Each structure stands twice: as structure tokens, then as C-alpha cells.
Amino acid sequence: RPARPGRGHASRRRRRALLGALWFAAHPLHVEAVTGVVGRAELLCALCCLGANACHAWAAGLTPRGCSAWRRGASARRLACAAATLGCIAGAVLCKETGIVIAP
């Protein structure tokens, strides 16, 4: 089967472009080093707090409309969601001390 001209070259160029984009995203040269490190703590704390809220709502059986969709026999799911909530709270506190405000 004859090879199509240019097909391999285009995929190599795309891979190189993707590698360059990932490298730039992981290693920004135009930003101060301290700014990225300080800002990450707040973002991780906020992400963990939002995760804790979502897991708690799921454990409580709340739907997006706000009404309860509680079912009997769903205790394993509730326990898993409660454990995920505690894990998210612990992650928020470990990222930044102000993450304790999410704890009930």
C-alpha cells in the first residue's frame, strides 16, 4: 500500500505543537515563580470546598432543583459520599487553613 505524502509529517507537527503547548503550560517563563505557587493554594482550597459541597449534597440526596430524592437502602452510597466529603474537607484544610470554614 503506498504511503500518502505529507500525512506523517502533519501528525508529527501536531505532536510537536501539543508537546510545546504542554511544556509552556507546565513551565511558564513569563510569570514570576512565586505568583504561581501562592495562587495554587487558594485554587486547590476552593476546588476542594466545591467538591465537599457537591459530595455533601449528593449524600443528602438533593437534586439540582433542591427537592429531596431520598431512597431507602442507599446507605452505601451515602457512606461513600460522606467519606468523599470528609476527604475534600481534609484536602481543603491541608491546602489552606481557611478551608476549615466548609466543615459543618
N, C-alpha and C. Protein backbone atom coordinates (compact mmCIF):
# COMPACT_ATOMS: atom_id res chain seq x y z
N ARG A 1 0.85 -1.17 0.00
CA ARG A 1 0.00 0.00 0.00
C ARG A 1 0.90 1.24 0.00
N PRO A 2 0.71 2.14 -0.94
CA PRO A 2 1.58 3.31 -1.00
C PRO A 2 1.24 4.32 0.11
N ALA A 3 2.25 4.93 0.64
CA ALA A 3 2.06 5.92 1.70
C ALA A 3 1.59 7.23 1.11
N ARG A 4 0.72 7.90 1.81
CA ARG A 4 0.25 9.20 1.35
C ARG A 4 1.29 10.26 1.69
N PRO A 5 1.60 11.10 0.76
CA PRO A 5 2.61 12.12 1.06
C PRO A 5 2.07 13.17 2.03
N GLY A 6 2.86 13.49 3.02
CA GLY A 6 2.53 14.55 3.96
C GLY A 6 1.72 14.13 5.16
N ARG A 7 1.18 12.94 5.17
CA ARG A 7 0.33 12.54 6.29
C ARG A 7 1.14 12.37 7.58
N GLY A 8 2.26 11.69 7.52
CA GLY A 8 3.09 11.50 8.70
C GLY A 8 3.70 12.80 9.19
N HIS A 9 3.99 13.68 8.25
CA HIS A 9 4.60 14.96 8.61
C HIS A 9 3.62 15.82 9.40
N ALA A 10 2.34 15.81 9.00
CA ALA A 10 1.33 16.61 9.71
C ALA A 10 1.11 16.09 11.12
N SER A 11 1.09 14.78 11.30
CA SER A 11 0.87 14.26 12.64
C SER A 11 2.07 14.54 13.53
N ARG A 12 3.28 14.52 12.95
CA ARG A 12 4.46 14.88 13.74
C ARG A 12 4.41 16.34 14.15
N ARG A 13 3.95 17.19 13.24
CA ARG A 13 3.85 18.61 13.56
C ARG A 13 2.82 18.84 14.66
N ARG A 14 1.71 18.10 14.61
CA ARG A 14 0.69 18.24 15.67
C ARG A 14 1.22 17.77 17.01
N ARG A 15 1.95 16.66 16.99
CA ARG A 15 2.53 16.17 18.25
C ARG A 15 3.53 17.17 18.82
N ARG A 16 4.35 17.75 17.94
CA ARG A 16 5.31 18.76 18.41
C ARG A 16 4.60 19.98 18.97
N ALA A 17 3.54 20.40 18.29
CA ALA A 17 2.78 21.56 18.78
C ALA A 17 2.13 21.25 20.13
N LEU A 18 1.58 20.05 20.27
CA LEU A 18 0.98 19.67 21.55
C LEU A 18 2.03 19.60 22.65
N LEU A 19 3.18 19.04 22.34
CA LEU A 19 4.25 18.96 23.32
C LEU A 19 4.71 20.35 23.74
N GLY A 20 4.83 21.25 22.77
CA GLY A 20 5.22 22.62 23.08
C GLY A 20 4.18 23.34 23.94
N ALA A 21 2.91 23.12 23.65
CA ALA A 21 1.84 23.74 24.44
C ALA A 21 1.83 23.20 25.86
N LEU A 22 2.00 21.90 26.00
CA LEU A 22 2.04 21.31 27.35
C LEU A 22 3.25 21.79 28.12
N TRP A 23 4.38 21.91 27.45
CA TRP A 23 5.59 22.40 28.11
C TRP A 23 5.39 23.83 28.59
N PHE A 24 4.80 24.68 27.74
CA PHE A 24 4.57 26.07 28.13
C PHE A 24 3.56 26.17 29.27
N ALA A 25 2.55 25.30 29.26
CA ALA A 25 1.56 25.33 30.33
C ALA A 25 2.15 24.89 31.66
N ALA A 26 3.07 23.92 31.63
CA ALA A 26 3.67 23.43 32.86
C ALA A 26 4.83 24.29 33.33
N HIS A 27 5.44 25.03 32.43
CA HIS A 27 6.63 25.80 32.79
C HIS A 27 6.53 27.21 32.20
N PRO A 28 5.69 28.07 32.78
CA PRO A 28 5.54 29.42 32.22
C PRO A 28 6.78 30.27 32.49
N LEU A 29 7.31 30.87 31.45
CA LEU A 29 8.52 31.67 31.58
C LEU A 29 8.22 33.13 31.87
N HIS A 30 7.00 33.56 31.57
CA HIS A 30 6.69 34.97 31.66
C HIS A 30 5.99 35.36 32.96
N VAL A 31 5.96 34.47 33.91
CA VAL A 31 5.29 34.73 35.18
C VAL A 31 6.31 34.53 36.30
N GLU A 32 6.20 35.34 37.32
CA GLU A 32 7.10 35.17 38.46
C GLU A 32 6.86 33.82 39.11
N ALA A 33 7.91 33.21 39.60
CA ALA A 33 7.79 31.86 40.17
C ALA A 33 6.95 31.86 41.43
N VAL A 34 7.03 32.90 42.23
CA VAL A 34 6.30 32.94 43.49
C VAL A 34 4.81 33.09 43.27
N THR A 35 4.41 33.80 42.25
CA THR A 35 3.00 34.05 42.00
C THR A 35 2.24 32.76 41.73
N GLY A 36 2.81 31.87 40.95
CA GLY A 36 2.15 30.61 40.65
C GLY A 36 2.02 29.72 41.87
N VAL A 37 3.01 29.71 42.72
CA VAL A 37 2.98 28.86 43.91
C VAL A 37 1.97 29.37 44.92
N VAL A 38 1.89 30.67 45.12
CA VAL A 38 0.97 31.24 46.09
C VAL A 38 -0.47 31.10 45.61
N GLY A 39 -0.72 31.31 44.34
CA GLY A 39 -2.07 31.24 43.81
C GLY A 39 -2.65 29.84 43.79
N ARG A 40 -1.80 28.84 43.74
CA ARG A 40 -2.29 27.46 43.67
C ARG A 40 -2.98 27.03 44.96
N ALA A 41 -2.54 27.52 46.09
CA ALA A 41 -3.14 27.12 47.36
C ALA A 41 -4.61 27.53 47.42
N GLU A 42 -4.91 28.77 47.00
CA GLU A 42 -6.29 29.23 47.02
C GLU A 42 -7.15 28.45 46.03
N LEU A 43 -6.60 28.18 44.85
CA LEU A 43 -7.37 27.44 43.85
C LEU A 43 -7.66 26.01 44.30
N LEU A 44 -6.67 25.35 44.87
CA LEU A 44 -6.89 23.99 45.36
C LEU A 44 -7.88 23.97 46.52
N CYS A 45 -7.77 24.95 47.40
CA CYS A 45 -8.70 25.03 48.53
C CYS A 45 -10.13 25.25 48.02
N ALA A 46 -10.29 26.15 47.06
CA ALA A 46 -11.62 26.41 46.51
C ALA A 46 -12.16 25.17 45.80
N LEU A 47 -11.32 24.47 45.06
CA LEU A 47 -11.76 23.27 44.38
C LEU A 47 -12.19 22.20 45.38
N CYS A 48 -11.44 22.04 46.45
CA CYS A 48 -11.81 21.05 47.47
C CYS A 48 -13.09 21.46 48.19
N CYS A 49 -13.27 22.76 48.45
CA CYS A 49 -14.51 23.22 49.09
C CYS A 49 -15.72 22.98 48.20
N LEU A 50 -15.58 23.25 46.91
CA LEU A 50 -16.69 22.98 45.99
C LEU A 50 -16.97 21.49 45.89
N GLY A 51 -15.92 20.68 45.91
CA GLY A 51 -16.11 19.24 45.89
C GLY A 51 -16.81 18.75 47.14
N ALA A 52 -16.47 19.32 48.29
CA ALA A 52 -17.12 18.95 49.54
C ALA A 52 -18.60 19.31 49.51
N ASN A 53 -18.91 20.48 48.97
CA ASN A 53 -20.32 20.87 48.86
C ASN A 53 -21.09 19.93 47.95
N ALA A 54 -20.49 19.57 46.83
CA ALA A 54 -21.16 18.67 45.88
C ALA A 54 -21.35 17.29 46.49
N CYS A 55 -20.32 16.78 47.16
CA CYS A 55 -20.44 15.45 47.79
C CYS A 55 -21.47 15.45 48.91
N HIS A 56 -21.51 16.53 49.67
CA HIS A 56 -22.49 16.62 50.75
C HIS A 56 -23.92 16.66 50.20
N ALA A 57 -24.11 17.43 49.13
CA ALA A 57 -25.45 17.49 48.52
C ALA A 57 -25.84 16.13 47.96
N TRP A 58 -24.89 15.43 47.38
CA TRP A 58 -25.17 14.11 46.83
C TRP A 58 -25.48 13.11 47.94
N ALA A 59 -24.75 13.22 49.06
CA ALA A 59 -25.00 12.33 50.19
C ALA A 59 -26.37 12.61 50.81
N ALA A 60 -26.79 13.87 50.80
CA ALA A 60 -28.09 14.22 51.37
C ALA A 60 -29.22 13.87 50.42
N GLY A 61 -28.90 13.52 49.17
CA GLY A 61 -29.92 13.15 48.21
C GLY A 61 -30.60 14.33 47.57
N LEU A 62 -29.93 15.47 47.54
CA LEU A 62 -30.53 16.66 46.95
C LEU A 62 -30.32 16.66 45.45
N THR A 63 -31.35 17.04 44.73
CA THR A 63 -31.26 17.18 43.28
C THR A 63 -30.95 18.65 42.97
N PRO A 64 -30.60 18.97 41.74
CA PRO A 64 -30.33 20.37 41.41
C PRO A 64 -31.52 21.29 41.63
N ARG A 65 -32.73 20.75 41.63
CA ARG A 65 -33.91 21.59 41.88
C ARG A 65 -34.11 21.91 43.35
N GLY A 66 -33.39 21.22 44.22
CA GLY A 66 -33.49 21.50 45.64
C GLY A 66 -34.42 20.57 46.39
N CYS A 67 -35.15 19.70 45.70
CA CYS A 67 -36.03 18.79 46.41
C CYS A 67 -35.28 17.51 46.73
N SER A 68 -35.74 16.83 47.71
CA SER A 68 -35.05 15.63 48.16
C SER A 68 -35.46 14.44 47.31
N ALA A 69 -34.47 13.70 46.85
CA ALA A 69 -34.71 12.49 46.08
C ALA A 69 -34.18 11.31 46.89
N TRP A 70 -34.65 11.21 48.11
CA TRP A 70 -34.14 10.21 49.05
C TRP A 70 -34.71 8.84 48.76
N ARG A 71 -33.86 7.83 48.79
CA ARG A 71 -34.31 6.45 48.62
C ARG A 71 -33.85 5.63 49.81
N ARG A 72 -34.68 4.73 50.20
CA ARG A 72 -34.27 3.83 51.27
C ARG A 72 -33.33 2.78 50.69
N GLY A 73 -32.38 2.35 51.50
CA GLY A 73 -31.44 1.34 51.05
C GLY A 73 -30.24 1.92 50.32
N ALA A 74 -30.09 3.22 50.30
CA ALA A 74 -28.97 3.85 49.63
C ALA A 74 -27.88 4.22 50.64
N SER A 75 -27.75 3.43 51.70
CA SER A 75 -26.81 3.79 52.76
C SER A 75 -25.36 3.64 52.33
N ALA A 76 -25.05 2.70 51.44
CA ALA A 76 -23.67 2.54 50.97
C ALA A 76 -23.25 3.76 50.16
N ARG A 77 -24.16 4.28 49.35
CA ARG A 77 -23.86 5.49 48.59
C ARG A 77 -23.68 6.69 49.51
N ARG A 78 -24.56 6.78 50.53
CA ARG A 78 -24.44 7.88 51.49
C ARG A 78 -23.12 7.83 52.23
N LEU A 79 -22.71 6.61 52.63
CA LEU A 79 -21.45 6.47 53.35
C LEU A 79 -20.26 6.85 52.46
N ALA A 80 -20.29 6.43 51.20
CA ALA A 80 -19.21 6.79 50.28
C ALA A 80 -19.16 8.29 50.04
N CYS A 81 -20.33 8.92 49.90
CA CYS A 81 -20.37 10.36 49.70
C CYS A 81 -19.92 11.12 50.95
N ALA A 82 -20.27 10.61 52.12
CA ALA A 82 -19.83 11.24 53.36
C ALA A 82 -18.31 11.12 53.50
N ALA A 83 -17.75 9.98 53.12
CA ALA A 83 -16.30 9.82 53.16
C ALA A 83 -15.62 10.75 52.16
N ALA A 84 -16.21 10.90 50.99
CA ALA A 84 -15.66 11.83 49.99
C ALA A 84 -15.75 13.26 50.48
N THR A 85 -16.83 13.60 51.19
CA THR A 85 -16.97 14.94 51.75
C THR A 85 -15.88 15.21 52.76
N LEU A 86 -15.63 14.25 53.65
CA LEU A 86 -14.57 14.43 54.64
C LEU A 86 -13.20 14.51 53.98
N GLY A 87 -13.00 13.74 52.92
CA GLY A 87 -11.74 13.80 52.19
C GLY A 87 -11.53 15.15 51.54
N CYS A 88 -12.60 15.71 50.97
CA CYS A 88 -12.49 17.03 50.36
C CYS A 88 -12.25 18.11 51.41
N ILE A 89 -12.88 17.98 52.56
CA ILE A 89 -12.64 18.95 53.64
C ILE A 89 -11.20 18.86 54.11
N ALA A 90 -10.70 17.64 54.27
CA ALA A 90 -9.30 17.47 54.67
C ALA A 90 -8.36 18.05 53.63
N GLY A 91 -8.67 17.84 52.36
CA GLY A 91 -7.84 18.42 51.30
C GLY A 91 -7.86 19.93 51.33
N ALA A 92 -9.03 20.52 51.58
CA ALA A 92 -9.13 21.98 51.66
C ALA A 92 -8.32 22.53 52.82
N VAL A 93 -8.39 21.86 53.96
CA VAL A 93 -7.65 22.32 55.14
C VAL A 93 -6.14 22.15 54.93
N LEU A 94 -5.75 21.07 54.28
CA LEU A 94 -4.33 20.85 54.02
C LEU A 94 -3.78 21.84 53.00
N CYS A 95 -4.62 22.29 52.08
CA CYS A 95 -4.16 23.28 51.10
C CYS A 95 -4.03 24.67 51.72
N LYS A 96 -5.03 25.04 52.49
CA LYS A 96 -5.03 26.37 53.10
C LYS A 96 -5.87 26.31 54.36
N GLU A 97 -5.47 27.04 55.37
CA GLU A 97 -6.13 26.95 56.67
C GLU A 97 -7.57 27.44 56.62
N THR A 98 -7.88 28.34 55.71
CA THR A 98 -9.24 28.86 55.63
C THR A 98 -10.22 27.85 55.09
N GLY A 99 -9.76 26.69 54.68
CA GLY A 99 -10.64 25.64 54.21
C GLY A 99 -11.48 25.02 55.31
N ILE A 100 -11.18 25.35 56.55
CA ILE A 100 -11.93 24.80 57.68
C ILE A 100 -13.35 25.36 57.73
N VAL A 101 -13.61 26.47 57.05
CA VAL A 101 -14.95 27.06 57.10
C VAL A 101 -15.98 26.19 56.42
N ILE A 102 -15.57 25.24 55.60
CA ILE A 102 -16.52 24.37 54.92
C ILE A 102 -17.02 23.26 55.84
N ALA A 103 -16.30 22.99 56.90
CA ALA A 103 -16.69 21.91 57.83
C ALA A 103 -17.98 22.28 58.54
N PRO A 104 -18.90 21.31 58.68
CA PRO A 104 -20.17 21.62 59.33
C PRO A 104 -20.01 21.87 60.82
